[in-house]
Amino acid sequence: MAESVTVDVRYFAGAADAAGTTEESYALRVGATVADVKSALRSRHGEKLDRVLDVAVFLIGDEMVRDDAYPVGTRIDVLPPFAGG
């Protein structure tokens, strides 16, 4: 079996509403990417969160990421578009 790592996912604003939570954890393979995280989130939360993931930016460490091939560490934040100014 491949090695796994626990990835903590934090949701903000509309992403938290769509997921019905502000934080949860996933066991993913070591070397998982943003695409792997998105796939796990879609499997657990379905269509409502799927729409948010299509437009979200992901914060990994200090990096704002949209690249599905970007590797994740032990935490990823899901940031939907914010309105206002």
PDB file of N, CA and C in Angstrom:
ATOM      1  N   MET A   1       0.841  -1.182   0.000  1.00  0.00           N
ATOM      2  CA  MET A   1       0.000   0.000   0.000  1.00  0.00           C
ATOM      3  C   MET A   1       0.886   1.246   0.000  1.00  0.00           C
ATOM      4  N   ALA A   2       0.487   2.252  -0.746  1.00  0.00           N
ATOM      5  CA  ALA A   2       1.252   3.494  -0.818  1.00  0.00           C
ATOM      6  C   ALA A   2       1.170   4.236   0.508  1.00  0.00           C
ATOM      7  N   GLU A   3       2.225   4.958   0.789  1.00  0.00           N
ATOM      8  CA  GLU A   3       2.267   5.771   1.997  1.00  0.00           C
ATOM      9  C   GLU A   3       1.216   6.875   1.903  1.00  0.00           C
ATOM     10  N   SER A   4       0.618   7.236   3.043  1.00  0.00           N
ATOM     11  CA  SER A   4      -0.378   8.309   3.026  1.00  0.00           C
ATOM     12  C   SER A   4      -0.023   9.385   4.044  1.00  0.00           C
ATOM     13  N   VAL A   5      -0.640  10.533   3.857  1.00  0.00           N
ATOM     14  CA  VAL A   5      -0.445  11.676   4.730  1.00  0.00           C
ATOM     15  C   VAL A   5      -1.819  12.265   5.024  1.00  0.00           C
ATOM     16  N   THR A   6      -1.989  12.807   6.205  1.00  0.00           N
ATOM     17  CA  THR A   6      -3.235  13.484   6.544  1.00  0.00           C
ATOM     18  C   THR A   6      -3.146  14.920   6.077  1.00  0.00           C
ATOM     19  N   VAL A   7      -4.112  15.327   5.269  1.00  0.00           N
ATOM     20  CA  VAL A   7      -4.188  16.691   4.758  1.00  0.00           C
ATOM     21  C   VAL A   7      -5.398  17.361   5.394  1.00  0.00           C
ATOM     22  N   ASP A   8      -5.157  18.445   6.110  1.00  0.00           N
ATOM     23  CA  ASP A   8      -6.233  19.223   6.703  1.00  0.00           C
ATOM     24  C   ASP A   8      -6.713  20.240   5.676  1.00  0.00           C
ATOM     25  N   VAL A   9      -8.017  20.251   5.440  1.00  0.00           N
ATOM     26  CA  VAL A   9      -8.627  21.167   4.488  1.00  0.00           C
ATOM     27  C   VAL A   9      -9.458  22.168   5.278  1.00  0.00           C
ATOM     28  N   ARG A  10      -9.181  23.460   5.060  1.00  0.00           N
ATOM     29  CA  ARG A  10      -9.968  24.510   5.706  1.00  0.00           C
ATOM     30  C   ARG A  10     -10.767  25.236   4.633  1.00  0.00           C
ATOM     31  N   TYR A  11     -12.034  25.503   4.944  1.00  0.00           N
ATOM     32  CA  TYR A  11     -12.954  26.146   4.017  1.00  0.00           C
ATOM     33  C   TYR A  11     -13.297  27.536   4.531  1.00  0.00           C
ATOM     34  N   PHE A  12     -13.413  28.482   3.613  1.00  0.00           N
ATOM     35  CA  PHE A  12     -13.745  29.845   3.968  1.00  0.00           C
ATOM     36  C   PHE A  12     -14.944  30.324   3.172  1.00  0.00           C
ATOM     37  N   ALA A  13     -15.754  31.190   3.783  1.00  0.00           N
ATOM     38  CA  ALA A  13     -16.900  31.852   3.155  1.00  0.00           C
ATOM     39  C   ALA A  13     -17.814  30.840   2.457  1.00  0.00           C
ATOM     40  N   GLY A  14     -18.082  31.045   1.169  1.00  0.00           N
ATOM     41  CA  GLY A  14     -18.999  30.187   0.419  1.00  0.00           C
ATOM     42  C   GLY A  14     -18.550  28.737   0.354  1.00  0.00           C
ATOM     43  N   ALA A  15     -17.262  28.497   0.428  1.00  0.00           N
ATOM     44  CA  ALA A  15     -16.765  27.116   0.428  1.00  0.00           C
ATOM     45  C   ALA A  15     -17.199  26.397   1.705  1.00  0.00           C
ATOM     46  N   ALA A  16     -17.155  27.100   2.836  1.00  0.00           N
ATOM     47  CA  ALA A  16     -17.592  26.511   4.112  1.00  0.00           C
ATOM     48  C   ALA A  16     -19.094  26.226   4.072  1.00  0.00           C
ATOM     49  N   ASP A  17     -19.846  27.142   3.483  1.00  0.00           N
ATOM     50  CA  ASP A  17     -21.291  26.923   3.354  1.00  0.00           C
ATOM     51  C   ASP A  17     -21.577  25.693   2.497  1.00  0.00           C
ATOM     52  N   ALA A  18     -20.869  25.573   1.378  1.00  0.00           N
ATOM     53  CA  ALA A  18     -21.097  24.452   0.459  1.00  0.00           C
ATOM     54  C   ALA A  18     -20.677  23.118   1.072  1.00  0.00           C
ATOM     55  N   ALA A  19     -19.590  23.129   1.853  1.00  0.00           N
ATOM     56  CA  ALA A  19     -19.098  21.896   2.469  1.00  0.00           C
ATOM     57  C   ALA A  19     -19.854  21.557   3.752  1.00  0.00           C
ATOM     58  N   GLY A  20     -20.489  22.552   4.343  1.00  0.00           N
ATOM     59  CA  GLY A  20     -21.197  22.330   5.598  1.00  0.00           C
ATOM     60  C   GLY A  20     -20.264  22.212   6.794  1.00  0.00           C
ATOM     61  N   THR A  21     -19.027  22.672   6.630  1.00  0.00           N
ATOM     62  CA  THR A  21     -18.040  22.628   7.706  1.00  0.00           C
ATOM     63  C   THR A  21     -16.944  23.643   7.399  1.00  0.00           C
ATOM     64  N   THR A  22     -16.151  23.970   8.394  1.00  0.00           N
ATOM     65  CA  THR A  22     -15.034  24.883   8.160  1.00  0.00           C
ATOM     66  C   THR A  22     -13.702  24.158   8.061  1.00  0.00           C
ATOM     67  N   GLU A  23     -13.672  22.897   8.496  1.00  0.00           N
ATOM     68  CA  GLU A  23     -12.414  22.155   8.437  1.00  0.00           C
ATOM     69  C   GLU A  23     -12.686  20.660   8.518  1.00  0.00           C
ATOM     70  N   GLU A  24     -11.881  19.894   7.792  1.00  0.00           N
ATOM     71  CA  GLU A  24     -11.934  18.439   7.869  1.00  0.00           C
ATOM     72  C   GLU A  24     -10.607  17.881   7.368  1.00  0.00           C
ATOM     73  N   SER A  25     -10.391  16.607   7.606  1.00  0.00           N
ATOM     74  CA  SER A  25      -9.124  15.971   7.225  1.00  0.00           C
ATOM     75  C   SER A  25      -9.359  14.826   6.252  1.00  0.00           C
ATOM     76  N   TYR A  26      -8.364  14.615   5.409  1.00  0.00           N
ATOM     77  CA  TYR A  26      -8.384  13.539   4.421  1.00  0.00           C
ATOM     78  C   TYR A  26      -7.066  12.792   4.474  1.00  0.00           C
ATOM     79  N   ALA A  27      -7.111  11.486   4.298  1.00  0.00           N
ATOM     80  CA  ALA A  27      -5.898  10.684   4.142  1.00  0.00           C
ATOM     81  C   ALA A  27      -5.650  10.551   2.643  1.00  0.00           C
ATOM     82  N   LEU A  28      -4.560  11.147   2.183  1.00  0.00           N
ATOM     83  CA  LEU A  28      -4.210  11.121   0.767  1.00  0.00           C
ATOM     84  C   LEU A  28      -2.819  10.540   0.606  1.00  0.00           C
ATOM     85  N   ARG A  29      -2.511  10.115  -0.592  1.00  0.00           N
ATOM     86  CA  ARG A  29      -1.187   9.562  -0.850  1.00  0.00           C
ATOM     87  C   ARG A  29      -0.126  10.647  -0.703  1.00  0.00           C
ATOM     88  N   VAL A  30       1.049  10.251  -0.287  1.00  0.00           N
ATOM     89  CA  VAL A  30       2.173  11.176  -0.233  1.00  0.00           C
ATOM     90  C   VAL A  30       2.424  11.668  -1.651  1.00  0.00           C
ATOM     91  N   GLY A  31       2.623  12.958  -1.800  1.00  0.00           N
ATOM     92  CA  GLY A  31       2.821  13.534  -3.127  1.00  0.00           C
ATOM     93  C   GLY A  31       1.528  13.945  -3.804  1.00  0.00           C
ATOM     94  N   ALA A  32       0.430  13.947  -3.053  1.00  0.00           N
ATOM     95  CA  ALA A  32      -0.867  14.330  -3.617  1.00  0.00           C
ATOM     96  C   ALA A  32      -0.811  15.759  -4.161  1.00  0.00           C
ATOM     97  N   THR A  33      -1.655  16.017  -5.151  1.00  0.00           N
ATOM     98  CA  THR A  33      -1.721  17.319  -5.797  1.00  0.00           C
ATOM     99  C   THR A  33      -3.056  17.998  -5.495  1.00  0.00           C
ATOM    100  N   VAL A  34      -3.173  19.237  -5.941  1.00  0.00           N
ATOM    101  CA  VAL A  34      -4.447  19.950  -5.819  1.00  0.00           C
ATOM    102  C   VAL A  34      -5.560  19.148  -6.491  1.00  0.00           C
ATOM    103  N   ALA A  35      -5.278  18.538  -7.625  1.00  0.00           N
ATOM    104  CA  ALA A  35      -6.289  17.719  -8.315  1.00  0.00           C
ATOM    105  C   ALA A  35      -6.759  16.564  -7.438  1.00  0.00           C
ATOM    106  N   ASP A  36      -5.852  15.937  -6.706  1.00  0.00           N
ATOM    107  CA  ASP A  36      -6.230  14.839  -5.808  1.00  0.00           C
ATOM    108  C   ASP A  36      -7.141  15.333  -4.694  1.00  0.00           C
ATOM    109  N   VAL A  37      -6.816  16.493  -4.139  1.00  0.00           N
ATOM    110  CA  VAL A  37      -7.641  17.075  -3.082  1.00  0.00           C
ATOM    111  C   VAL A  37      -9.026  17.405  -3.633  1.00  0.00           C
ATOM    112  N   LYS A  38      -9.075  18.056  -4.785  1.00  0.00           N
ATOM    113  CA  LYS A  38     -10.361  18.411  -5.383  1.00  0.00           C
ATOM    114  C   LYS A  38     -11.207  17.164  -5.643  1.00  0.00           C
ATOM    115  N   SER A  39     -10.599  16.102  -6.099  1.00  0.00           N
ATOM    116  CA  SER A  39     -11.322  14.857  -6.342  1.00  0.00           C
ATOM    117  C   SER A  39     -11.918  14.304  -5.046  1.00  0.00           C
ATOM    118  N   ALA A  40     -11.138  14.325  -3.977  1.00  0.00           N
ATOM    119  CA  ALA A  40     -11.631  13.845  -2.675  1.00  0.00           C
ATOM    120  C   ALA A  40     -12.775  14.714  -2.167  1.00  0.00           C
ATOM    121  N   LEU A  41     -12.642  16.031  -2.339  1.00  0.00           N
ATOM    122  CA  LEU A  41     -13.686  16.952  -1.876  1.00  0.00           C
ATOM    123  C   LEU A  41     -14.971  16.743  -2.668  1.00  0.00           C
ATOM    124  N   ARG A  42     -14.834  16.577  -3.975  1.00  0.00           N
ATOM    125  CA  ARG A  42     -16.012  16.356  -4.813  1.00  0.00           C
ATOM    126  C   ARG A  42     -16.706  15.037  -4.451  1.00  0.00           C
ATOM    127  N   SER A  43     -15.926  14.018  -4.166  1.00  0.00           N
ATOM    128  CA  SER A  43     -16.502  12.726  -3.780  1.00  0.00           C
ATOM    129  C   SER A  43     -17.305  12.823  -2.497  1.00  0.00           C
ATOM    130  N   ARG A  44     -16.803  13.596  -1.547  1.00  0.00           N
ATOM    131  CA  ARG A  44     -17.472  13.691  -0.251  1.00  0.00           C
ATOM    132  C   ARG A  44     -18.650  14.655  -0.263  1.00  0.00           C
ATOM    133  N   HIS A  45     -18.535  15.767  -0.992  1.00  0.00           N
ATOM    134  CA  HIS A  45     -19.525  16.842  -0.853  1.00  0.00           C
ATOM    135  C   HIS A  45     -20.425  17.064  -2.064  1.00  0.00           C
ATOM    136  N   GLY A  46     -20.091  16.514  -3.192  1.00  0.00           N
ATOM    137  CA  GLY A  46     -20.985  16.577  -4.338  1.00  0.00           C
ATOM    138  C   GLY A  46     -21.047  17.911  -5.064  1.00  0.00           C
ATOM    139  N   GLU A  47     -22.180  18.091  -5.743  1.00  0.00           N
ATOM    140  CA  GLU A  47     -22.355  19.167  -6.706  1.00  0.00           C
ATOM    141  C   GLU A  47     -22.241  20.575  -6.127  1.00  0.00           C
ATOM    142  N   LYS A  48     -22.764  20.797  -4.948  1.00  0.00           N
ATOM    143  CA  LYS A  48     -22.745  22.154  -4.381  1.00  0.00           C
ATOM    144  C   LYS A  48     -21.301  22.639  -4.201  1.00  0.00           C
ATOM    145  N   LEU A  49     -20.436  21.806  -3.658  1.00  0.00           N
ATOM    146  CA  LEU A  49     -19.044  22.204  -3.481  1.00  0.00           C
ATOM    147  C   LEU A  49     -18.313  22.180  -4.818  1.00  0.00           C
ATOM    148  N   ASP A  50     -18.715  21.318  -5.704  1.00  0.00           N
ATOM    149  CA  ASP A  50     -18.092  21.217  -7.028  1.00  0.00           C
ATOM    150  C   ASP A  50     -18.087  22.574  -7.727  1.00  0.00           C
ATOM    151  N   ARG A  51     -19.195  23.292  -7.664  1.00  0.00           N
ATOM    152  CA  ARG A  51     -19.281  24.617  -8.296  1.00  0.00           C
ATOM    153  C   ARG A  51     -18.289  25.591  -7.679  1.00  0.00           C
ATOM    154  N   VAL A  52     -18.094  25.515  -6.373  1.00  0.00           N
ATOM    155  CA  VAL A  52     -17.138  26.391  -5.693  1.00  0.00           C
ATOM    156  C   VAL A  52     -15.709  26.037  -6.109  1.00  0.00           C
ATOM    157  N   LEU A  53     -15.414  24.750  -6.181  1.00  0.00           N
ATOM    158  CA  LEU A  53     -14.056  24.318  -6.530  1.00  0.00           C
ATOM    159  C   LEU A  53     -13.649  24.773  -7.925  1.00  0.00           C
ATOM    160  N   ASP A  54     -14.614  24.904  -8.824  1.00  0.00           N
ATOM    161  CA  ASP A  54     -14.310  25.342 -10.188  1.00  0.00           C
ATOM    162  C   ASP A  54     -13.766  26.769 -10.234  1.00  0.00           C
ATOM    163  N   VAL A  55     -14.089  27.597  -9.248  1.00  0.00           N
ATOM    164  CA  VAL A  55     -13.660  29.005  -9.256  1.00  0.00           C
ATOM    165  C   VAL A  55     -12.750  29.364  -8.085  1.00  0.00           C
ATOM    166  N   ALA A  56     -12.487  28.409  -7.215  1.00  0.00           N
ATOM    167  CA  ALA A  56     -11.706  28.669  -6.000  1.00  0.00           C
ATOM    168  C   ALA A  56     -10.214  28.821  -6.288  1.00  0.00           C
ATOM    169  N   VAL A  57      -9.557  29.479  -5.347  1.00  0.00           N
ATOM    170  CA  VAL A  57      -8.098  29.528  -5.280  1.00  0.00           C
ATOM    171  C   VAL A  57      -7.728  28.735  -4.038  1.00  0.00           C
ATOM    172  N   PHE A  58      -6.577  28.093  -4.065  1.00  0.00           N
ATOM    173  CA  PHE A  58      -6.148  27.264  -2.947  1.00  0.00           C
ATOM    174  C   PHE A  58      -4.888  27.863  -2.347  1.00  0.00           C
ATOM    175  N   LEU A  59      -4.890  28.003  -1.031  1.00  0.00           N
ATOM    176  CA  LEU A  59      -3.721  28.513  -0.320  1.00  0.00           C
ATOM    177  C   LEU A  59      -2.971  27.322   0.247  1.00  0.00           C
ATOM    178  N   ILE A  60      -1.731  27.170  -0.212  1.00  0.00           N
ATOM    179  CA  ILE A  60      -0.861  26.092   0.262  1.00  0.00           C
ATOM    180  C   ILE A  60       0.403  26.758   0.775  1.00  0.00           C
ATOM    181  N   GLY A  61       0.598  26.717   2.088  1.00  0.00           N
ATOM    182  CA  GLY A  61       1.699  27.474   2.679  1.00  0.00           C
ATOM    183  C   GLY A  61       1.440  28.949   2.442  1.00  0.00           C
ATOM    184  N   ASP A  62       2.361  29.627   1.796  1.00  0.00           N
ATOM    185  CA  ASP A  62       2.207  31.044   1.467  1.00  0.00           C
ATOM    186  C   ASP A  62       1.839  31.268   0.007  1.00  0.00           C
ATOM    187  N   GLU A  63       1.541  30.191  -0.717  1.00  0.00           N
ATOM    188  CA  GLU A  63       1.283  30.273  -2.153  1.00  0.00           C
ATOM    189  C   GLU A  63      -0.205  30.189  -2.469  1.00  0.00           C
ATOM    190  N   MET A  64      -0.684  31.143  -3.284  1.00  0.00           N
ATOM    191  CA  MET A  64      -2.038  31.087  -3.828  1.00  0.00           C
ATOM    192  C   MET A  64      -1.947  30.276  -5.122  1.00  0.00           C
ATOM    193  N   VAL A  65      -2.706  29.192  -5.206  1.00  0.00           N
ATOM    194  CA  VAL A  65      -2.530  28.218  -6.279  1.00  0.00           C
ATOM    195  C   VAL A  65      -3.842  27.963  -7.013  1.00  0.00           C
ATOM    196  N   ARG A  66      -3.758  27.857  -8.337  1.00  0.00           N
ATOM    197  CA  ARG A  66      -4.877  27.393  -9.171  1.00  0.00           C
ATOM    198  C   ARG A  66      -4.462  26.175  -9.992  1.00  0.00           C
ATOM    199  N   ASP A  67      -3.205  25.835  -9.953  1.00  0.00           N
ATOM    200  CA  ASP A  67      -2.630  24.749 -10.754  1.00  0.00           C
ATOM    201  C   ASP A  67      -2.960  23.397 -10.125  1.00  0.00           C
ATOM    202  N   ASP A  68      -3.730  22.575 -10.841  1.00  0.00           N
ATOM    203  CA  ASP A  68      -4.128  21.267 -10.322  1.00  0.00           C
ATOM    204  C   ASP A  68      -2.948  20.331 -10.089  1.00  0.00           C
ATOM    205  N   ALA A  69      -1.821  20.574 -10.748  1.00  0.00           N
ATOM    206  CA  ALA A  69      -0.645  19.709 -10.595  1.00  0.00           C
ATOM    207  C   ALA A  69       0.235  20.109  -9.404  1.00  0.00           C
ATOM    208  N   TYR A  70      -0.110  21.198  -8.729  1.00  0.00           N
ATOM    209  CA  TYR A  70       0.698  21.690  -7.609  1.00  0.00           C
ATOM    210  C   TYR A  70       0.602  20.705  -6.440  1.00  0.00           C
ATOM    211  N   PRO A  71       1.727  20.325  -5.849  1.00  0.00           N
ATOM    212  CA  PRO A  71       1.686  19.383  -4.717  1.00  0.00           C
ATOM    213  C   PRO A  71       1.185  20.053  -3.441  1.00  0.00           C
ATOM    214  N   VAL A  72       0.425  19.302  -2.673  1.00  0.00           N
ATOM    215  CA  VAL A  72      -0.065  19.811  -1.394  1.00  0.00           C
ATOM    216  C   VAL A  72       0.797  19.266  -0.265  1.00  0.00           C
ATOM    217  N   GLY A  73       0.768  19.969   0.856  1.00  0.00           N
ATOM    218  CA  GLY A  73       1.467  19.501   2.045  1.00  0.00           C
ATOM    219  C   GLY A  73       0.451  18.905   3.005  1.00  0.00           C
ATOM    220  N   THR A  74       0.475  19.386   4.238  1.00  0.00           N
ATOM    221  CA  THR A  74      -0.437  18.855   5.247  1.00  0.00           C
ATOM    222  C   THR A  74      -1.648  19.753   5.479  1.00  0.00           C
ATOM    223  N   ARG A  75      -1.690  20.919   4.794  1.00  0.00           N
ATOM    224  CA  ARG A  75      -2.870  21.786   4.925  1.00  0.00           C
ATOM    225  C   ARG A  75      -3.098  22.530   3.620  1.00  0.00           C
ATOM    226  N   ILE A  76      -4.374  22.668   3.273  1.00  0.00           N
ATOM    227  CA  ILE A  76      -4.783  23.435   2.098  1.00  0.00           C
ATOM    228  C   ILE A  76      -6.042  24.203   2.469  1.00  0.00           C
ATOM    229  N   ASP A  77      -6.073  25.470   2.097  1.00  0.00           N
ATOM    230  CA  ASP A  77      -7.237  26.313   2.352  1.00  0.00           C
ATOM    231  C   ASP A  77      -7.985  26.536   1.046  1.00  0.00           C
ATOM    232  N   VAL A  78      -9.302  26.391   1.102  1.00  0.00           N
ATOM    233  CA  VAL A  78     -10.157  26.588  -0.074  1.00  0.00           C
ATOM    234  C   VAL A  78     -10.771  27.984   0.033  1.00  0.00           C
ATOM    235  N   LEU A  79     -10.379  28.844  -0.913  1.00  0.00           N
ATOM    236  CA  LEU A  79     -10.821  30.248  -0.893  1.00  0.00           C
ATOM    237  C   LEU A  79     -11.670  30.543  -2.123  1.00  0.00           C
ATOM    238  N   PRO A  80     -12.974  30.691  -1.933  1.00  0.00           N
ATOM    239  CA  PRO A  80     -13.820  31.040  -3.070  1.00  0.00           C
ATOM    240  C   PRO A  80     -13.593  32.504  -3.433  1.00  0.00           C
ATOM    241  N   PRO A  81     -14.093  32.926  -4.598  1.00  0.00           N
ATOM    242  CA  PRO A  81     -13.978  34.353  -4.921  1.00  0.00           C
ATOM    243  C   PRO A  81     -14.689  35.186  -3.861  1.00  0.00           C
ATOM    244  N   PHE A  82     -14.087  36.290  -3.498  1.00  0.00           N
ATOM    245  CA  PHE A  82     -14.683  37.196  -2.514  1.00  0.00           C
ATOM    246  C   PHE A  82     -15.185  38.434  -3.226  1.00  0.00           C
ATOM    247  N   ALA A  83     -16.337  38.930  -2.819  1.00  0.00           N
ATOM    248  CA  ALA A  83     -16.879  40.159  -3.379  1.00  0.00           C
ATOM    249  C   ALA A  83     -16.665  41.296  -2.388  1.00  0.00           C
ATOM    250  N   GLY A  84     -16.766  42.459  -2.846  1.00  0.00           N
ATOM    251  CA  GLY A  84     -16.642  43.617  -1.956  1.00  0.00           C
ATOM    252  C   GLY A  84     -15.405  44.417  -2.263  1.00  0.00           C
ATOM    253  N   GLY A  85     -15.128  45.379  -1.421  1.00  0.00           N
ATOM    254  CA  GLY A  85     -13.946  46.168  -1.716  1.00  0.00           C
ATOM    255  C   GLY A  85     -13.731  47.262  -0.793  1.00  0.00           C
TER     256      GLY A  85
END
